[in-house]
Amino acid sequence: METFSTQKLKAAQILQSDIPLTVKPFTEIADICGLKNDVLMAWIKGLSQKGVIRKFGAILRHQKAGYSKNALVMWAVPFDVIENAGRLFASLPFISHCYERKPAFQNRYNLFTMLHAQDDGISPLLNTMSQLINCNDFLILESLQEYKKTSPEYFS
């Protein structure tokens, strides 16, 4: 396991939280940590190549963006069409997560989707999804309240 200098530890702490919303966020992070930008970028690239950093991504606060309805939908999809169904669902703009579950929940529900809707609710979206894959066998777990929305922190 690699040991981190004080500067790199500070950079790791920043990288696992909210990156600055500036034109050059990595330059700002390097400055805050007392590193040269090229050193920081090489270090991040190395961590990425080793699989320590999996990805950088933006997290949309969906409720603040007007998406107040959320549901985990579990689908009972025949094995021979699950990959196609998963690709179709994953391509939909209102789906944030789509994955196959092995073993299937209750030995039946094998494709899980997380969908987000605005005030008109999830029913029209479910109708669209059901028609896309010709499947009416699903369970809905609708989110009623959000208790926590934080990412894990590995460096503190």
C-alpha atoms as a PDB file:
ATOM      1  CA  MET A   1       0.000   0.000   0.000  1.00  0.00           C
ATOM      2  CA  GLU A   2       1.253   3.427  -0.939  1.00  0.00           C
ATOM      3  CA  THR A   3       1.891   5.904   1.850  1.00  0.00           C
ATOM      4  CA  PHE A   4       0.787   9.446   1.175  1.00  0.00           C
ATOM      5  CA  SER A   5       2.697  12.608   1.933  1.00  0.00           C
ATOM      6  CA  THR A   6       0.858  15.260   3.920  1.00  0.00           C
ATOM      7  CA  GLN A   7       0.146  17.142   0.674  1.00  0.00           C
ATOM      8  CA  LYS A   8      -1.225  14.056  -1.084  1.00  0.00           C
ATOM      9  CA  LEU A   9      -3.318  13.117   1.926  1.00  0.00           C
ATOM     10  CA  LYS A  10      -4.853  16.594   1.855  1.00  0.00           C
ATOM     11  CA  ALA A  11      -5.452  16.197  -1.904  1.00  0.00           C
ATOM     12  CA  ALA A  12      -7.123  12.820  -1.299  1.00  0.00           C
ATOM     13  CA  GLN A  13      -9.409  14.401   1.294  1.00  0.00           C
ATOM     14  CA  ILE A  14     -10.446  17.100  -1.181  1.00  0.00           C
ATOM     15  CA  LEU A  15     -10.861  14.669  -4.085  1.00  0.00           C
ATOM     16  CA  GLN A  16     -13.278  12.473  -2.141  1.00  0.00           C
ATOM     17  CA  SER A  17     -15.497  15.447  -1.333  1.00  0.00           C
ATOM     18  CA  ASP A  18     -16.806  18.312  -3.443  1.00  0.00           C
ATOM     19  CA  ILE A  19     -14.267  19.463  -6.025  1.00  0.00           C
ATOM     20  CA  PRO A  20     -14.127  23.267  -6.352  1.00  0.00           C
ATOM     21  CA  LEU A  21     -16.469  24.700  -8.986  1.00  0.00           C
ATOM     22  CA  THR A  22     -13.828  26.691 -10.826  1.00  0.00           C
ATOM     23  CA  VAL A  23     -12.405  26.760 -14.344  1.00  0.00           C
ATOM     24  CA  LYS A  24      -9.308  24.814 -13.210  1.00  0.00           C
ATOM     25  CA  PRO A  25     -10.328  22.803 -10.125  1.00  0.00           C
ATOM     26  CA  PHE A  26      -7.222  20.574 -10.115  1.00  0.00           C
ATOM     27  CA  THR A  27      -4.910  23.582 -10.247  1.00  0.00           C
ATOM     28  CA  GLU A  28      -6.779  25.006  -7.263  1.00  0.00           C
ATOM     29  CA  ILE A  29      -6.507  21.686  -5.402  1.00  0.00           C
ATOM     30  CA  ALA A  30      -2.767  21.531  -6.144  1.00  0.00           C
ATOM     31  CA  ASP A  31      -2.339  25.090  -4.829  1.00  0.00           C
ATOM     32  CA  ILE A  32      -4.312  24.327  -1.653  1.00  0.00           C
ATOM     33  CA  CYS A  33      -2.180  21.234  -1.015  1.00  0.00           C
ATOM     34  CA  GLY A  34       1.181  22.798  -1.817  1.00  0.00           C
ATOM     35  CA  LEU A  35       1.735  20.611  -4.871  1.00  0.00           C
ATOM     36  CA  LYS A  36       2.648  21.416  -8.447  1.00  0.00           C
ATOM     37  CA  ASN A  37      -0.270  20.804 -10.805  1.00  0.00           C
ATOM     38  CA  ASP A  38       1.670  18.279 -12.935  1.00  0.00           C
ATOM     39  CA  VAL A  39       2.648  16.315  -9.797  1.00  0.00           C
ATOM     40  CA  LEU A  40      -0.974  16.182  -8.636  1.00  0.00           C
ATOM     41  CA  MET A  41      -2.225  15.130 -12.072  1.00  0.00           C
ATOM     42  CA  ALA A  42       0.435  12.393 -12.409  1.00  0.00           C
ATOM     43  CA  TRP A  43      -0.428  11.108  -8.940  1.00  0.00           C
ATOM     44  CA  ILE A  44      -4.186  11.037  -9.741  1.00  0.00           C
ATOM     45  CA  LYS A  45      -3.488   9.288 -13.054  1.00  0.00           C
ATOM     46  CA  GLY A  46      -1.346   6.701 -11.269  1.00  0.00           C
ATOM     47  CA  LEU A  47      -4.065   6.038  -8.687  1.00  0.00           C
ATOM     48  CA  SER A  48      -6.571   5.656 -11.503  1.00  0.00           C
ATOM     49  CA  GLN A  49      -4.346   3.201 -13.392  1.00  0.00           C
ATOM     50  CA  LYS A  50      -3.911   1.139 -10.210  1.00  0.00           C
ATOM     51  CA  GLY A  51      -7.682   1.044  -9.711  1.00  0.00           C
ATOM     52  CA  VAL A  52      -7.522   3.030  -6.467  1.00  0.00           C
ATOM     53  CA  ILE A  53      -9.614   5.778  -8.056  1.00  0.00           C
ATOM     54  CA  ARG A  54     -12.428   4.270 -10.063  1.00  0.00           C
ATOM     55  CA  LYS A  55     -13.932   7.428 -11.537  1.00  0.00           C
ATOM     56  CA  PHE A  56     -14.636  11.115 -11.140  1.00  0.00           C
ATOM     57  CA  GLY A  57     -18.225  12.142 -11.541  1.00  0.00           C
ATOM     58  CA  ALA A  58     -20.773  14.760 -10.781  1.00  0.00           C
ATOM     59  CA  ILE A  59     -23.580  13.966  -8.397  1.00  0.00           C
ATOM     60  CA  LEU A  60     -26.839  15.670  -9.210  1.00  0.00           C
ATOM     61  CA  ARG A  61     -28.907  16.562  -6.166  1.00  0.00           C
ATOM     62  CA  HIS A  62     -32.060  15.346  -7.875  1.00  0.00           C
ATOM     63  CA  GLN A  63     -34.509  16.804  -5.362  1.00  0.00           C
ATOM     64  CA  LYS A  64     -32.989  20.277  -5.759  1.00  0.00           C
ATOM     65  CA  ALA A  65     -33.234  19.818  -9.542  1.00  0.00           C
ATOM     66  CA  GLY A  66     -36.983  19.174  -9.304  1.00  0.00           C
ATOM     67  CA  TYR A  67     -36.999  15.370  -9.330  1.00  0.00           C
ATOM     68  CA  SER A  68     -39.033  14.707  -6.210  1.00  0.00           C
ATOM     69  CA  LYS A  69     -40.257  11.178  -6.990  1.00  0.00           C
ATOM     70  CA  ASN A  70     -37.791   8.300  -6.787  1.00  0.00           C
ATOM     71  CA  ALA A  71     -38.315   4.570  -6.878  1.00  0.00           C
ATOM     72  CA  LEU A  72     -36.341   1.376  -6.954  1.00  0.00           C
ATOM     73  CA  VAL A  73     -38.135  -0.897  -9.411  1.00  0.00           C
ATOM     74  CA  MET A  74     -37.399  -4.615  -9.469  1.00  0.00           C
ATOM     75  CA  TRP A  75     -38.234  -6.434 -12.691  1.00  0.00           C
ATOM     76  CA  ALA A  76     -38.777 -10.156 -13.346  1.00  0.00           C
ATOM     77  CA  VAL A  77     -37.152 -10.404 -16.763  1.00  0.00           C
ATOM     78  CA  PRO A  78     -36.616 -13.689 -18.650  1.00  0.00           C
ATOM     79  CA  PHE A  79     -32.940 -14.659 -18.663  1.00  0.00           C
ATOM     80  CA  ASP A  80     -32.657 -14.632 -22.456  1.00  0.00           C
ATOM     81  CA  VAL A  81     -33.649 -10.943 -22.710  1.00  0.00           C
ATOM     82  CA  ILE A  82     -32.172  -9.509 -19.511  1.00  0.00           C
ATOM     83  CA  GLU A  83     -29.091  -8.015 -21.187  1.00  0.00           C
ATOM     84  CA  ASN A  84     -31.182  -6.268 -23.856  1.00  0.00           C
ATOM     85  CA  ALA A  85     -33.673  -5.047 -21.246  1.00  0.00           C
ATOM     86  CA  GLY A  86     -30.839  -3.747 -19.082  1.00  0.00           C
ATOM     87  CA  ARG A  87     -29.295  -1.836 -21.984  1.00  0.00           C
ATOM     88  CA  LEU A  88     -32.663  -0.317 -22.907  1.00  0.00           C
ATOM     89  CA  PHE A  89     -33.381   0.761 -19.350  1.00  0.00           C
ATOM     90  CA  ALA A  90     -29.859   2.101 -18.815  1.00  0.00           C
ATOM     91  CA  SER A  91     -30.271   4.334 -21.884  1.00  0.00           C
ATOM     92  CA  LEU A  92     -33.346   6.081 -20.470  1.00  0.00           C
ATOM     93  CA  PRO A  93     -32.679   9.596 -19.151  1.00  0.00           C
ATOM     94  CA  PHE A  94     -34.718   9.088 -15.965  1.00  0.00           C
ATOM     95  CA  ILE A  95     -32.771   5.966 -14.885  1.00  0.00           C
ATOM     96  CA  SER A  96     -29.710   6.542 -12.694  1.00  0.00           C
ATOM     97  CA  HIS A  97     -28.927   2.912 -11.833  1.00  0.00           C
ATOM     98  CA  CYS A  98     -29.645  -0.318 -13.673  1.00  0.00           C
ATOM     99  CA  TYR A  99     -28.174  -3.661 -12.713  1.00  0.00           C
ATOM    100  CA  GLU A 100     -28.757  -7.381 -12.776  1.00  0.00           C
ATOM    101  CA  ARG A 101     -29.247  -9.040  -9.394  1.00  0.00           C
ATOM    102  CA  LYS A 102     -27.771 -12.488  -8.820  1.00  0.00           C
ATOM    103  CA  PRO A 103     -29.331 -14.297  -7.160  1.00  0.00           C
ATOM    104  CA  ALA A 104     -32.680 -12.829  -8.095  1.00  0.00           C
ATOM    105  CA  PHE A 105     -34.678 -11.256  -5.272  1.00  0.00           C
ATOM    106  CA  GLN A 106     -37.332 -13.772  -4.177  1.00  0.00           C
ATOM    107  CA  ASN A 107     -35.961 -16.042  -6.940  1.00  0.00           C
ATOM    108  CA  ARG A 108     -37.811 -13.848  -9.400  1.00  0.00           C
ATOM    109  CA  TYR A 109     -36.796 -10.176  -9.619  1.00  0.00           C
ATOM    110  CA  ASN A 110     -33.473 -10.033 -11.429  1.00  0.00           C
ATOM    111  CA  LEU A 111     -33.212  -6.533 -12.944  1.00  0.00           C
ATOM    112  CA  PHE A 112     -33.157  -3.485 -10.682  1.00  0.00           C
ATOM    113  CA  THR A 113     -33.617   0.107 -11.815  1.00  0.00           C
ATOM    114  CA  MET A 114     -33.563   3.384  -9.921  1.00  0.00           C
ATOM    115  CA  LEU A 115     -35.748   5.983 -11.534  1.00  0.00           C
ATOM    116  CA  HIS A 116     -36.312   9.648 -10.852  1.00  0.00           C
ATOM    117  CA  ALA A 117     -39.390  11.633 -11.841  1.00  0.00           C
ATOM    118  CA  GLN A 118     -40.706  15.125 -11.526  1.00  0.00           C
ATOM    119  CA  ASP A 119     -44.054  15.988  -9.955  1.00  0.00           C
ATOM    120  CA  ASP A 120     -46.110  13.940 -12.432  1.00  0.00           C
ATOM    121  CA  GLY A 121     -44.867  10.800 -10.723  1.00  0.00           C
ATOM    122  CA  ILE A 122     -43.452   7.488 -11.749  1.00  0.00           C
ATOM    123  CA  SER A 123     -46.501   5.828 -13.337  1.00  0.00           C
ATOM    124  CA  PRO A 124     -45.996   7.202 -16.871  1.00  0.00           C
ATOM    125  CA  LEU A 125     -42.332   6.207 -16.732  1.00  0.00           C
ATOM    126  CA  LEU A 126     -43.177   2.689 -15.566  1.00  0.00           C
ATOM    127  CA  ASN A 127     -45.694   2.345 -18.392  1.00  0.00           C
ATOM    128  CA  THR A 128     -43.010   3.317 -20.907  1.00  0.00           C
ATOM    129  CA  MET A 129     -40.493   0.903 -19.398  1.00  0.00           C
ATOM    130  CA  SER A 130     -42.998  -1.946 -19.221  1.00  0.00           C
ATOM    131  CA  GLN A 131     -43.904  -1.507 -22.897  1.00  0.00           C
ATOM    132  CA  LEU A 132     -40.248  -1.276 -23.946  1.00  0.00           C
ATOM    133  CA  ILE A 133     -39.443  -4.770 -22.708  1.00  0.00           C
ATOM    134  CA  ASN A 134     -42.973  -6.233 -22.754  1.00  0.00           C
ATOM    135  CA  CYS A 135     -42.917  -7.010 -19.036  1.00  0.00           C
ATOM    136  CA  ASN A 136     -45.591  -6.250 -16.439  1.00  0.00           C
ATOM    137  CA  ASP A 137     -44.002  -8.206 -13.605  1.00  0.00           C
ATOM    138  CA  PHE A 138     -42.286  -5.708 -11.321  1.00  0.00           C
ATOM    139  CA  LEU A 139     -42.211  -4.444  -7.741  1.00  0.00           C
ATOM    140  CA  ILE A 140     -41.914  -0.786  -6.784  1.00  0.00           C
ATOM    141  CA  LEU A 141     -40.175   0.556  -3.714  1.00  0.00           C
ATOM    142  CA  GLU A 142     -40.930   4.249  -3.781  1.00  0.00           C
ATOM    143  CA  SER A 143     -38.732   6.622  -1.783  1.00  0.00           C
ATOM    144  CA  LEU A 144     -40.750   8.504   0.800  1.00  0.00           C
ATOM    145  CA  GLN A 145     -37.978  10.353   2.609  1.00  0.00           C
ATOM    146  CA  GLU A 146     -34.241  10.753   2.162  1.00  0.00           C
ATOM    147  CA  TYR A 147     -32.233  10.268   5.336  1.00  0.00           C
ATOM    148  CA  LYS A 148     -28.677  10.399   4.078  1.00  0.00           C
ATOM    149  CA  LYS A 149     -26.953  11.493   0.898  1.00  0.00           C
ATOM    150  CA  THR A 150     -23.228  11.343   1.396  1.00  0.00           C
ATOM    151  CA  SER A 151     -20.403   9.450  -0.209  1.00  0.00           C
ATOM    152  CA  PRO A 152     -18.071   7.279   1.833  1.00  0.00           C
ATOM    153  CA  GLU A 153     -14.883   8.962   3.028  1.00  0.00           C
ATOM    154  CA  TYR A 154     -11.687   6.951   3.066  1.00  0.00           C
ATOM    155  CA  PHE A 155      -9.215   9.649   4.092  1.00  0.00           C
ATOM    156  CA  SER A 156      -9.880  11.842   7.089  1.00  0.00           C
END
